[in-house]
Amino acid sequence: MNLANLAAVSFSFAMASPTLVYADSYPSRPVKLIVGFSAGGIGDVMGRLFAQGLQKQLKQTFYVENKPGADGTIGMREAIKADPDGYTLLVGGLGAQIIPQLMRDDFPIDTRSALEKIAITGIYPNVLTINKDIPVNSVKELIAYLKERPGKLNFGSSGRVSTDRLAAELFMMETETRMLNVPYKGGALALNDLISGQTQIMFPQLPVVAGAAKSGQVKALAVTTLKRTLQMPDVPTVSEAGLAGFNVGGWNAIYGPRGLPKNVLDILGKAAVAAVQDPEILARLADLGVQPLGMASEEATTYFDSEFVRWQKVVDGAGLRLQK
């Protein structure tokens, strides 16, 4: 083969495989992390925290861009349509990439196939919380109280499609109790009505309720993960309080569009796991009540798939599928 032919072949290969060219020196330019929700929420906070962590690990700029709307699908669509070169990523988790798809007939994206799972970074508990005037002080007492009043008490949720609603639904399934759901447009609004007594029970995310629980505005009976949280060390887990194995937590993840080169996937996954182990990141996670999870791509994908199957059983068992 003469030099002209060799050059032509090399040029054709490079044009046909742009991601390989990018991957050799990845990351060689700033990386965008899309968050499909407004600034200030837990997803946004985690996105900015891990932008900081990835930047430290990979010596390149990582920045967050908020694209809120439509249960996170506006930002997700942008991430999915991006070139699979590692320069446009997505920050999300259970409440964005699994629950809406399971509960909405019209959800437009199959998150199992459209996204590469780069890493799962942390999990934060929901908190079984009741109005302070309810005359119970433990999970067992609450279960008895609910069984004496089937369908008489209301639980608030941050929306029809939310982790706190599914936590309550799972609790009712496992305790054979019945409450009525009152959905709100956000956890703060739901918490306000719990404090005032408009609703009686809620399973808010820890960052939403920590202040109100510490000030005595509400009673925190238990956290929903298998481990207690450093923010509420005296509050037992639901599992410790009598429902063995009960485990609900909103987890966060970093994704890329389908087709991300394996070496880029590996670079990002290892960097995310290293970021979770960084003392500065660990301290910030502790402040937020987030328990670190350092799962890189293969383990993250297995975890994602198992969570999808698990919550599909809850959604189907409780008849929660929302019609178009």
C-alpha atoms as a PDB file:
ATOM      1  CA  MET A   1       0.000   0.000   0.000  1.00  0.00           C
ATOM      2  CA  ASN A   2       1.491   3.383  -1.017  1.00  0.00           C
ATOM      3  CA  LEU A   3       1.566   6.405   1.277  1.00  0.00           C
ATOM      4  CA  ALA A   4      -1.400   8.082  -0.399  1.00  0.00           C
ATOM      5  CA  ASN A   5      -3.600   5.012   0.122  1.00  0.00           C
ATOM      6  CA  LEU A   6      -2.421   4.630   3.699  1.00  0.00           C
ATOM      7  CA  ALA A   7      -3.273   8.257   4.438  1.00  0.00           C
ATOM      8  CA  ALA A   8      -6.714   7.821   2.894  1.00  0.00           C
ATOM      9  CA  VAL A   9      -7.426   4.734   4.979  1.00  0.00           C
ATOM     10  CA  SER A  10      -6.235   6.470   8.150  1.00  0.00           C
ATOM     11  CA  PHE A  11      -8.401   9.525   7.417  1.00  0.00           C
ATOM     12  CA  SER A  12     -11.459   7.338   6.739  1.00  0.00           C
ATOM     13  CA  PHE A  13     -10.935   5.413   9.973  1.00  0.00           C
ATOM     14  CA  ALA A  14     -10.628   8.621  11.974  1.00  0.00           C
ATOM     15  CA  MET A  15     -13.781  10.071  10.420  1.00  0.00           C
ATOM     16  CA  ALA A  16     -15.736   6.850  11.048  1.00  0.00           C
ATOM     17  CA  SER A  17     -14.583   6.599  14.669  1.00  0.00           C
ATOM     18  CA  PRO A  18     -14.603  10.092  16.197  1.00  0.00           C
ATOM     19  CA  THR A  19     -15.181   8.821  19.715  1.00  0.00           C
ATOM     20  CA  LEU A  20     -11.948   6.847  19.602  1.00  0.00           C
ATOM     21  CA  VAL A  21     -10.049  10.011  18.768  1.00  0.00           C
ATOM     22  CA  TYR A  22     -11.739  11.853  21.653  1.00  0.00           C
ATOM     23  CA  ALA A  23     -11.218   8.966  24.041  1.00  0.00           C
ATOM     24  CA  ASP A  24      -7.426   8.849  23.653  1.00  0.00           C
ATOM     25  CA  SER A  25      -6.929  12.104  25.545  1.00  0.00           C
ATOM     26  CA  TYR A  26     -10.199  12.259  27.486  1.00  0.00           C
ATOM     27  CA  PRO A  27     -11.101  14.707  28.911  1.00  0.00           C
ATOM     28  CA  SER A  28      -9.354  17.351  26.812  1.00  0.00           C
ATOM     29  CA  ARG A  29     -12.027  20.066  27.155  1.00  0.00           C
ATOM     30  CA  PRO A  30     -14.806  21.056  29.612  1.00  0.00           C
ATOM     31  CA  VAL A  31     -17.528  18.498  30.385  1.00  0.00           C
ATOM     32  CA  LYS A  32     -21.190  19.424  30.850  1.00  0.00           C
ATOM     33  CA  LEU A  33     -23.315  17.702  33.506  1.00  0.00           C
ATOM     34  CA  ILE A  34     -27.029  18.129  32.780  1.00  0.00           C
ATOM     35  CA  VAL A  35     -29.441  18.171  35.742  1.00  0.00           C
ATOM     36  CA  GLY A  36     -33.065  17.722  34.666  1.00  0.00           C
ATOM     37  CA  PHE A  37     -34.448  19.708  37.602  1.00  0.00           C
ATOM     38  CA  SER A  38     -34.258  23.233  38.986  1.00  0.00           C
ATOM     39  CA  ALA A  39     -31.349  24.558  41.014  1.00  0.00           C
ATOM     40  CA  GLY A  40     -31.426  23.946  44.755  1.00  0.00           C
ATOM     41  CA  GLY A  41     -32.869  20.423  44.873  1.00  0.00           C
ATOM     42  CA  ILE A  42     -30.938  17.355  45.958  1.00  0.00           C
ATOM     43  CA  GLY A  43     -30.230  16.372  42.338  1.00  0.00           C
ATOM     44  CA  ASP A  44     -28.751  19.787  41.613  1.00  0.00           C
ATOM     45  CA  VAL A  45     -26.715  19.798  44.831  1.00  0.00           C
ATOM     46  CA  MET A  46     -25.328  16.343  44.073  1.00  0.00           C
ATOM     47  CA  GLY A  47     -24.585  17.315  40.482  1.00  0.00           C
ATOM     48  CA  ARG A  48     -22.540  20.321  41.584  1.00  0.00           C
ATOM     49  CA  LEU A  49     -20.769  18.329  44.258  1.00  0.00           C
ATOM     50  CA  PHE A  50     -19.680  15.658  41.792  1.00  0.00           C
ATOM     51  CA  ALA A  51     -18.758  18.211  39.160  1.00  0.00           C
ATOM     52  CA  GLN A  52     -16.312  19.450  41.784  1.00  0.00           C
ATOM     53  CA  GLY A  53     -15.157  15.910  42.551  1.00  0.00           C
ATOM     54  CA  LEU A  54     -14.671  14.871  38.922  1.00  0.00           C
ATOM     55  CA  GLN A  55     -12.860  18.114  38.167  1.00  0.00           C
ATOM     56  CA  LYS A  56     -10.433  17.406  40.992  1.00  0.00           C
ATOM     57  CA  GLN A  57      -9.836  13.824  39.853  1.00  0.00           C
ATOM     58  CA  LEU A  58      -9.510  14.459  36.111  1.00  0.00           C
ATOM     59  CA  LYS A  59      -7.944  17.953  36.105  1.00  0.00           C
ATOM     60  CA  GLN A  60     -10.541  19.314  33.709  1.00  0.00           C
ATOM     61  CA  THR A  61     -13.549  21.635  34.061  1.00  0.00           C
ATOM     62  CA  PHE A  62     -16.886  19.935  34.850  1.00  0.00           C
ATOM     63  CA  TYR A  63     -19.919  22.225  35.064  1.00  0.00           C
ATOM     64  CA  VAL A  64     -23.652  21.827  35.724  1.00  0.00           C
ATOM     65  CA  GLU A  65     -26.415  23.011  33.415  1.00  0.00           C
ATOM     66  CA  ASN A  66     -30.008  22.859  34.725  1.00  0.00           C
ATOM     67  CA  LYS A  67     -32.663  21.770  32.198  1.00  0.00           C
ATOM     68  CA  PRO A  68     -35.845  21.369  34.287  1.00  0.00           C
ATOM     69  CA  GLY A  69     -39.260  20.198  33.158  1.00  0.00           C
ATOM     70  CA  ALA A  70     -41.508  17.239  32.326  1.00  0.00           C
ATOM     71  CA  ASP A  71     -40.353  14.897  35.133  1.00  0.00           C
ATOM     72  CA  GLY A  72     -36.753  15.430  34.059  1.00  0.00           C
ATOM     73  CA  THR A  73     -37.280  14.399  30.440  1.00  0.00           C
ATOM     74  CA  ILE A  74     -36.227  17.730  28.903  1.00  0.00           C
ATOM     75  CA  GLY A  75     -32.720  17.409  30.283  1.00  0.00           C
ATOM     76  CA  MET A  76     -32.656  13.672  29.697  1.00  0.00           C
ATOM     77  CA  ARG A  77     -33.520  14.077  26.007  1.00  0.00           C
ATOM     78  CA  GLU A  78     -30.665  16.519  25.541  1.00  0.00           C
ATOM     79  CA  ALA A  79     -28.209  14.132  27.185  1.00  0.00           C
ATOM     80  CA  ILE A  80     -29.412  11.150  25.163  1.00  0.00           C
ATOM     81  CA  LYS A  81     -29.128  13.025  21.852  1.00  0.00           C
ATOM     82  CA  ALA A  82     -25.629  14.294  22.608  1.00  0.00           C
ATOM     83  CA  ASP A  83     -22.584  12.832  20.883  1.00  0.00           C
ATOM     84  CA  PRO A  84     -21.422   9.789  22.893  1.00  0.00           C
ATOM     85  CA  ASP A  85     -17.981  11.292  23.442  1.00  0.00           C
ATOM     86  CA  GLY A  86     -18.130  11.898  27.194  1.00  0.00           C
ATOM     87  CA  TYR A  87     -18.512  15.676  27.036  1.00  0.00           C
ATOM     88  CA  THR A  88     -22.227  15.769  27.808  1.00  0.00           C
ATOM     89  CA  LEU A  89     -23.351  13.709  30.825  1.00  0.00           C
ATOM     90  CA  LEU A  90     -26.507  13.472  32.919  1.00  0.00           C
ATOM     91  CA  VAL A  91     -26.983  13.556  36.697  1.00  0.00           C
ATOM     92  CA  GLY A  92     -30.104  11.813  38.010  1.00  0.00           C
ATOM     93  CA  GLY A  93     -31.168   8.785  39.980  1.00  0.00           C
ATOM     94  CA  LEU A  94     -34.100   6.706  41.176  1.00  0.00           C
ATOM     95  CA  GLY A  95     -36.599   9.559  41.138  1.00  0.00           C
ATOM     96  CA  ALA A  96     -35.724  10.651  37.611  1.00  0.00           C
ATOM     97  CA  GLN A  97     -34.716   7.590  35.598  1.00  0.00           C
ATOM     98  CA  ILE A  98     -36.813   4.772  37.108  1.00  0.00           C
ATOM     99  CA  ILE A  99     -39.964   5.921  38.906  1.00  0.00           C
ATOM    100  CA  PRO A 100     -41.456   8.121  36.147  1.00  0.00           C
ATOM    101  CA  GLN A 101     -40.940   5.404  33.539  1.00  0.00           C
ATOM    102  CA  LEU A 102     -42.644   2.815  35.744  1.00  0.00           C
ATOM    103  CA  MET A 103     -45.583   5.020  36.670  1.00  0.00           C
ATOM    104  CA  ARG A 104     -46.346   6.918  33.469  1.00  0.00           C
ATOM    105  CA  ASP A 105     -47.818   5.196  30.433  1.00  0.00           C
ATOM    106  CA  ASP A 106     -46.687   8.112  28.287  1.00  0.00           C
ATOM    107  CA  PHE A 107     -43.093   8.296  29.500  1.00  0.00           C
ATOM    108  CA  PRO A 108     -41.093   8.810  26.278  1.00  0.00           C
ATOM    109  CA  ILE A 109     -37.718   7.256  27.120  1.00  0.00           C
ATOM    110  CA  ASP A 110     -36.547   3.731  27.917  1.00  0.00           C
ATOM    111  CA  THR A 111     -33.845   4.595  30.414  1.00  0.00           C
ATOM    112  CA  ARG A 112     -32.549   1.033  30.532  1.00  0.00           C
ATOM    113  CA  SER A 113     -31.335   1.145  26.938  1.00  0.00           C
ATOM    114  CA  ALA A 114     -30.878   4.882  26.259  1.00  0.00           C
ATOM    115  CA  LEU A 115     -28.346   5.608  28.997  1.00  0.00           C
ATOM    116  CA  GLU A 116     -24.930   4.271  29.915  1.00  0.00           C
ATOM    117  CA  LYS A 117     -24.635   3.948  33.688  1.00  0.00           C
ATOM    118  CA  ILE A 118     -21.324   5.561  34.624  1.00  0.00           C
ATOM    119  CA  ALA A 119     -21.559   5.506  38.423  1.00  0.00           C
ATOM    120  CA  ILE A 120     -23.944   5.477  41.361  1.00  0.00           C
ATOM    121  CA  THR A 121     -22.580   7.895  43.904  1.00  0.00           C
ATOM    122  CA  GLY A 122     -24.783   8.106  46.991  1.00  0.00           C
ATOM    123  CA  ILE A 123     -28.049   7.197  48.657  1.00  0.00           C
ATOM    124  CA  TYR A 124     -30.138   9.271  51.057  1.00  0.00           C
ATOM    125  CA  PRO A 125     -32.959   7.962  53.215  1.00  0.00           C
ATOM    126  CA  ASN A 126     -36.543   8.979  53.357  1.00  0.00           C
ATOM    127  CA  VAL A 127     -37.840   9.557  56.882  1.00  0.00           C
ATOM    128  CA  LEU A 128     -41.111   8.150  58.226  1.00  0.00           C
ATOM    129  CA  THR A 129     -42.490  11.366  59.672  1.00  0.00           C
ATOM    130  CA  ILE A 130     -45.790  12.171  61.374  1.00  0.00           C
ATOM    131  CA  ASN A 131     -47.608  15.243  62.596  1.00  0.00           C
ATOM    132  CA  LYS A 132     -46.491  16.020  66.153  1.00  0.00           C
ATOM    133  CA  ASP A 133     -50.051  15.732  67.521  1.00  0.00           C
ATOM    134  CA  ILE A 134     -50.517  12.106  66.402  1.00  0.00           C
ATOM    135  CA  PRO A 135     -50.436  10.132  69.701  1.00  0.00           C
ATOM    136  CA  VAL A 136     -47.803   7.566  68.681  1.00  0.00           C
ATOM    137  CA  ASN A 137     -44.043   7.475  69.152  1.00  0.00           C
ATOM    138  CA  SER A 138     -42.833   4.385  67.314  1.00  0.00           C
ATOM    139  CA  VAL A 139     -43.325   2.507  64.058  1.00  0.00           C
ATOM    140  CA  LYS A 140     -45.162  -0.330  65.828  1.00  0.00           C
ATOM    141  CA  GLU A 141     -47.532   2.121  67.494  1.00  0.00           C
ATOM    142  CA  LEU A 142     -48.157   3.827  64.145  1.00  0.00           C
ATOM    143  CA  ILE A 143     -49.003   0.535  62.434  1.00  0.00           C
ATOM    144  CA  ALA A 144     -51.528  -0.270  65.171  1.00  0.00           C
ATOM    145  CA  TYR A 145     -52.950   3.262  64.926  1.00  0.00           C
ATOM    146  CA  LEU A 146     -53.381   2.933  61.147  1.00  0.00           C
ATOM    147  CA  LYS A 147     -55.016  -0.500  61.393  1.00  0.00           C
ATOM    148  CA  GLU A 148     -57.611   0.942  63.741  1.00  0.00           C
ATOM    149  CA  ARG A 149     -58.345   3.695  61.165  1.00  0.00           C
ATOM    150  CA  PRO A 150     -58.153   2.146  57.670  1.00  0.00           C
ATOM    151  CA  GLY A 151     -58.276   4.850  54.993  1.00  0.00           C
ATOM    152  CA  LYS A 152     -58.863   7.618  57.548  1.00  0.00           C
ATOM    153  CA  LEU A 153     -55.394   9.201  57.519  1.00  0.00           C
ATOM    154  CA  ASN A 154     -53.688  11.088  54.682  1.00  0.00           C
ATOM    155  CA  PHE A 155     -50.066  10.947  53.638  1.00  0.00           C
ATOM    156  CA  GLY A 156     -48.492  13.806  51.732  1.00  0.00           C
ATOM    157  CA  SER A 157     -46.076  13.250  48.859  1.00  0.00           C
ATOM    158  CA  SER A 158     -43.930  15.576  46.763  1.00  0.00           C
ATOM    159  CA  GLY A 159     -45.781  14.479  43.630  1.00  0.00           C
ATOM    160  CA  ARG A 160     -47.707  11.664  41.992  1.00  0.00           C
ATOM    161  CA  VAL A 161     -44.436  10.265  40.653  1.00  0.00           C
ATOM    162  CA  SER A 162     -41.951  10.414  43.531  1.00  0.00           C
ATOM    163  CA  THR A 163     -39.763   8.341  45.843  1.00  0.00           C
ATOM    164  CA  ASP A 164     -41.630   9.489  48.943  1.00  0.00           C
ATOM    165  CA  ARG A 165     -44.909   8.262  47.502  1.00  0.00           C
ATOM    166  CA  LEU A 166     -43.436   4.857  46.662  1.00  0.00           C
ATOM    167  CA  ALA A 167     -41.947   4.610  50.158  1.00  0.00           C
ATOM    168  CA  ALA A 168     -45.436   5.106  51.597  1.00  0.00           C
ATOM    169  CA  GLU A 169     -46.964   2.615  49.158  1.00  0.00           C
ATOM    170  CA  LEU A 170     -44.373  -0.013  50.055  1.00  0.00           C
ATOM    171  CA  PHE A 171     -44.965   0.637  53.756  1.00  0.00           C
ATOM    172  CA  MET A 172     -48.721   0.097  53.302  1.00  0.00           C
ATOM    173  CA  MET A 173     -48.133  -3.103  51.319  1.00  0.00           C
ATOM    174  CA  GLU A 174     -45.814  -4.561  53.958  1.00  0.00           C
ATOM    175  CA  THR A 175     -47.952  -3.541  56.960  1.00  0.00           C
ATOM    176  CA  GLU A 176     -51.377  -4.194  55.361  1.00  0.00           C
ATOM    177  CA  THR A 177     -52.514  -0.696  56.226  1.00  0.00           C
ATOM    178  CA  ARG A 178     -54.321   1.885  54.110  1.00  0.00           C
ATOM    179  CA  MET A 179     -53.854   5.653  53.807  1.00  0.00           C
ATOM    180  CA  LEU A 180     -54.908   8.219  51.203  1.00  0.00           C
ATOM    181  CA  ASN A 181     -52.289  10.009  49.101  1.00  0.00           C
ATOM    182  CA  VAL A 182     -52.304  13.802  48.837  1.00  0.00           C
ATOM    183  CA  PRO A 183     -49.764  14.784  46.131  1.00  0.00           C
ATOM    184  CA  TYR A 184     -48.077  18.201  46.146  1.00  0.00           C
ATOM    185  CA  LYS A 185     -45.814  20.068  43.753  1.00  0.00           C
ATOM    186  CA  GLY A 186     -42.694  19.566  45.813  1.00  0.00           C
ATOM    187  CA  GLY A 187     -41.524  18.238  49.159  1.00  0.00           C
ATOM    188  CA  ALA A 188     -41.470  21.611  50.939  1.00  0.00           C
ATOM    189  CA  LEU A 189     -45.174  22.237  50.239  1.00  0.00           C
ATOM    190  CA  ALA A 190     -46.061  18.753  51.449  1.00  0.00           C
ATOM    191  CA  LEU A 191     -44.030  19.237  54.625  1.00  0.00           C
ATOM    192  CA  ASN A 192     -45.790  22.530  55.391  1.00  0.00           C
ATOM    193  CA  ASP A 193     -49.164  20.788  55.386  1.00  0.00           C
ATOM    194  CA  LEU A 194     -47.819  17.953  57.528  1.00  0.00           C
ATOM    195  CA  ILE A 195     -46.672  20.508  60.100  1.00  0.00           C
ATOM    196  CA  SER A 196     -50.058  22.258  60.061  1.00  0.00           C
ATOM    197  CA  GLY A 197     -52.001  18.993  60.347  1.00  0.00           C
ATOM    198  CA  GLN A 198     -53.623  19.031  56.894  1.00  0.00           C
ATOM    199  CA  THR A 199     -51.946  15.642  56.401  1.00  0.00           C
ATOM    200  CA  GLN A 200     -50.804  13.244  59.094  1.00  0.00           C
ATOM    201  CA  ILE A 201     -47.958  11.206  57.626  1.00  0.00           C
ATOM    202  CA  MET A 202     -45.143  11.684  55.119  1.00  0.00           C
ATOM    203  CA  PHE A 203     -41.988   9.936  53.916  1.00  0.00           C
ATOM    204  CA  PRO A 204     -39.901  12.983  52.896  1.00  0.00           C
ATOM    205  CA  GLN A 205     -36.289  12.857  51.853  1.00  0.00           C
ATOM    206  CA  LEU A 206     -33.931  13.522  54.754  1.00  0.00           C
ATOM    207  CA  PRO A 207     -32.670  16.921  53.531  1.00  0.00           C
ATOM    208  CA  VAL A 208     -36.287  18.135  53.286  1.00  0.00           C
ATOM    209  CA  VAL A 209     -37.302  17.220  56.847  1.00  0.00           C
ATOM    210  CA  ALA A 210     -34.120  17.358  58.932  1.00  0.00           C
ATOM    211  CA  GLY A 211     -34.646  20.909  60.204  1.00  0.00           C
ATOM    212  CA  ALA A 212     -38.323  20.449  61.086  1.00  0.00           C
ATOM    213  CA  ALA A 213     -37.588  17.192  62.902  1.00  0.00           C
ATOM    214  CA  LYS A 214     -34.747  18.681  64.953  1.00  0.00           C
ATOM    215  CA  SER A 215     -36.910  21.659  65.964  1.00  0.00           C
ATOM    216  CA  GLY A 216     -39.786  19.415  67.090  1.00  0.00           C
ATOM    217  CA  GLN A 217     -42.249  20.601  64.449  1.00  0.00           C
ATOM    218  CA  VAL A 218     -42.784  16.978  63.379  1.00  0.00           C
ATOM    219  CA  LYS A 219     -41.956  13.535  64.772  1.00  0.00           C
ATOM    220  CA  ALA A 220     -39.360  11.473  62.912  1.00  0.00           C
ATOM    221  CA  LEU A 221     -40.119   7.832  63.712  1.00  0.00           C
ATOM    222  CA  ALA A 222     -37.626   6.025  61.481  1.00  0.00           C
ATOM    223  CA  VAL A 223     -35.330   6.318  58.479  1.00  0.00           C
ATOM    224  CA  THR A 224     -36.004   4.063  55.510  1.00  0.00           C
ATOM    225  CA  THR A 225     -32.497   2.877  54.615  1.00  0.00           C
ATOM    226  CA  LEU A 226     -30.840  -0.110  56.267  1.00  0.00           C
ATOM    227  CA  LYS A 227     -28.295   2.115  58.032  1.00  0.00           C
ATOM    228  CA  ARG A 228     -29.009   4.932  60.454  1.00  0.00           C
ATOM    229  CA  THR A 229     -28.019   8.400  59.350  1.00  0.00           C
ATOM    230  CA  LEU A 230     -25.412  10.577  61.024  1.00  0.00           C
ATOM    231  CA  GLN A 231     -27.858  13.486  60.921  1.00  0.00           C
ATOM    232  CA  MET A 232     -30.371  11.595  63.075  1.00  0.00           C
ATOM    233  CA  PRO A 233     -28.317   9.007  64.949  1.00  0.00           C
ATOM    234  CA  ASP A 234     -31.025   8.355  67.570  1.00  0.00           C
ATOM    235  CA  VAL A 235     -33.731   7.658  64.979  1.00  0.00           C
ATOM    236  CA  PRO A 236     -33.956   3.910  64.200  1.00  0.00           C
ATOM    237  CA  THR A 237     -34.325   2.397  60.775  1.00  0.00           C
ATOM    238  CA  VAL A 238     -37.722   1.044  59.748  1.00  0.00           C
ATOM    239  CA  SER A 239     -36.057  -2.366  59.608  1.00  0.00           C
ATOM    240  CA  GLU A 240     -34.836  -2.059  63.212  1.00  0.00           C
ATOM    241  CA  ALA A 241     -38.281  -0.863  64.267  1.00  0.00           C
ATOM    242  CA  GLY A 242     -39.971  -4.077  63.181  1.00  0.00           C
ATOM    243  CA  LEU A 243     -40.205  -4.294  59.358  1.00  0.00           C
ATOM    244  CA  ALA A 244     -37.133  -6.418  58.742  1.00  0.00           C
ATOM    245  CA  GLY A 245     -35.415  -5.649  55.443  1.00  0.00           C
ATOM    246  CA  PHE A 246     -37.412  -2.517  54.669  1.00  0.00           C
ATOM    247  CA  ASN A 247     -35.092  -0.440  52.513  1.00  0.00           C
ATOM    248  CA  VAL A 248     -35.929   2.675  50.536  1.00  0.00           C
ATOM    249  CA  GLY A 249     -33.514   5.385  49.522  1.00  0.00           C
ATOM    250  CA  GLY A 250     -33.260   7.971  46.814  1.00  0.00           C
ATOM    251  CA  TRP A 251     -29.953   7.372  45.071  1.00  0.00           C
ATOM    252  CA  ASN A 252     -27.978   9.524  42.678  1.00  0.00           C
ATOM    253  CA  ALA A 253     -26.218   8.473  39.516  1.00  0.00           C
ATOM    254  CA  ILE A 254     -24.125   9.806  36.647  1.00  0.00           C
ATOM    255  CA  TYR A 255     -25.042   8.693  33.119  1.00  0.00           C
ATOM    256  CA  GLY A 256     -23.892   9.159  29.557  1.00  0.00           C
ATOM    257  CA  PRO A 257     -25.621   8.661  26.214  1.00  0.00           C
ATOM    258  CA  ARG A 258     -25.740   5.182  24.742  1.00  0.00           C
ATOM    259  CA  GLY A 259     -22.554   4.271  22.919  1.00  0.00           C
ATOM    260  CA  LEU A 260     -20.086   5.932  25.264  1.00  0.00           C
ATOM    261  CA  PRO A 261     -16.660   4.355  24.540  1.00  0.00           C
ATOM    262  CA  LYS A 262     -15.621   1.808  27.152  1.00  0.00           C
ATOM    263  CA  ASN A 263     -12.393   3.575  28.051  1.00  0.00           C
ATOM    264  CA  VAL A 264     -14.266   6.859  28.637  1.00  0.00           C
ATOM    265  CA  LEU A 265     -16.825   4.937  30.703  1.00  0.00           C
ATOM    266  CA  ASP A 266     -13.990   3.436  32.738  1.00  0.00           C
ATOM    267  CA  ILE A 267     -12.208   6.777  33.222  1.00  0.00           C
ATOM    268  CA  LEU A 268     -15.375   8.466  34.452  1.00  0.00           C
ATOM    269  CA  GLY A 269     -16.461   5.542  36.630  1.00  0.00           C
ATOM    270  CA  LYS A 270     -13.100   5.294  38.379  1.00  0.00           C
ATOM    271  CA  ALA A 271     -12.993   9.065  38.871  1.00  0.00           C
ATOM    272  CA  ALA A 272     -16.491   9.084  40.410  1.00  0.00           C
ATOM    273  CA  VAL A 273     -15.563   6.266  42.810  1.00  0.00           C
ATOM    274  CA  ALA A 274     -12.375   8.118  43.769  1.00  0.00           C
ATOM    275  CA  ALA A 275     -14.385  11.316  44.307  1.00  0.00           C
ATOM    276  CA  VAL A 276     -16.686   9.495  46.752  1.00  0.00           C
ATOM    277  CA  GLN A 277     -13.608   8.579  48.800  1.00  0.00           C
ATOM    278  CA  ASP A 278     -12.258  12.144  48.890  1.00  0.00           C
ATOM    279  CA  PRO A 279     -12.442  13.533  52.466  1.00  0.00           C
ATOM    280  CA  GLU A 280     -13.889  16.862  51.312  1.00  0.00           C
ATOM    281  CA  ILE A 281     -16.663  15.148  49.330  1.00  0.00           C
ATOM    282  CA  LEU A 282     -17.330  12.705  52.175  1.00  0.00           C
ATOM    283  CA  ALA A 283     -17.746  15.565  54.633  1.00  0.00           C
ATOM    284  CA  ARG A 284     -20.207  17.335  52.349  1.00  0.00           C
ATOM    285  CA  LEU A 285     -22.178  14.124  51.794  1.00  0.00           C
ATOM    286  CA  ALA A 286     -22.400  13.657  55.561  1.00  0.00           C
ATOM    287  CA  ASP A 287     -23.730  17.204  55.934  1.00  0.00           C
ATOM    288  CA  LEU A 288     -26.456  16.372  53.403  1.00  0.00           C
ATOM    289  CA  GLY A 289     -27.341  13.061  55.052  1.00  0.00           C
ATOM    290  CA  VAL A 290     -26.147  11.159  51.979  1.00  0.00           C
ATOM    291  CA  GLN A 291     -24.499   7.775  52.444  1.00  0.00           C
ATOM    292  CA  PRO A 292     -21.686   7.314  49.869  1.00  0.00           C
ATOM    293  CA  LEU A 293     -21.981   4.601  47.233  1.00  0.00           C
ATOM    294  CA  GLY A 294     -18.999   4.050  44.979  1.00  0.00           C
ATOM    295  CA  MET A 295     -20.350   1.904  42.157  1.00  0.00           C
ATOM    296  CA  ALA A 296     -18.649   2.161  38.766  1.00  0.00           C
ATOM    297  CA  SER A 297     -20.195   1.178  35.451  1.00  0.00           C
ATOM    298  CA  GLU A 298     -20.737  -2.598  35.608  1.00  0.00           C
ATOM    299  CA  GLU A 299     -21.851  -2.615  39.246  1.00  0.00           C
ATOM    300  CA  ALA A 300     -23.930   0.530  38.684  1.00  0.00           C
ATOM    301  CA  THR A 301     -25.733  -1.088  35.752  1.00  0.00           C
ATOM    302  CA  THR A 302     -26.533  -4.201  37.786  1.00  0.00           C
ATOM    303  CA  TYR A 303     -27.840  -2.061  40.641  1.00  0.00           C
ATOM    304  CA  PHE A 304     -29.945   0.069  38.264  1.00  0.00           C
ATOM    305  CA  ASP A 305     -31.522  -3.011  36.688  1.00  0.00           C
ATOM    306  CA  SER A 306     -32.287  -4.597  40.074  1.00  0.00           C
ATOM    307  CA  GLU A 307     -33.929  -1.375  41.289  1.00  0.00           C
ATOM    308  CA  PHE A 308     -36.011  -1.215  38.119  1.00  0.00           C
ATOM    309  CA  VAL A 309     -37.352  -4.741  38.704  1.00  0.00           C
ATOM    310  CA  ARG A 310     -37.890  -4.132  42.417  1.00  0.00           C
ATOM    311  CA  TRP A 311     -39.913  -0.948  42.016  1.00  0.00           C
ATOM    312  CA  GLN A 312     -41.869  -2.316  39.091  1.00  0.00           C
ATOM    313  CA  LYS A 313     -43.250  -4.932  41.476  1.00  0.00           C
ATOM    314  CA  VAL A 314     -44.294  -2.206  43.920  1.00  0.00           C
ATOM    315  CA  VAL A 315     -45.909  -0.053  41.220  1.00  0.00           C
ATOM    316  CA  ASP A 316     -47.767  -3.020  39.734  1.00  0.00           C
ATOM    317  CA  GLY A 317     -48.725  -4.455  43.130  1.00  0.00           C
ATOM    318  CA  ALA A 318     -50.188  -1.155  44.317  1.00  0.00           C
ATOM    319  CA  GLY A 319     -51.850  -0.376  40.961  1.00  0.00           C
ATOM    320  CA  LEU A 320     -49.989   2.918  40.607  1.00  0.00           C
ATOM    321  CA  ARG A 321     -49.584   3.048  36.834  1.00  0.00           C
ATOM    322  CA  LEU A 322     -50.853   6.427  35.634  1.00  0.00           C
ATOM    323  CA  GLN A 323     -52.913   6.396  32.448  1.00  0.00           C
ATOM    324  CA  LYS A 324     -52.259   8.815  29.590  1.00  0.00           C
END
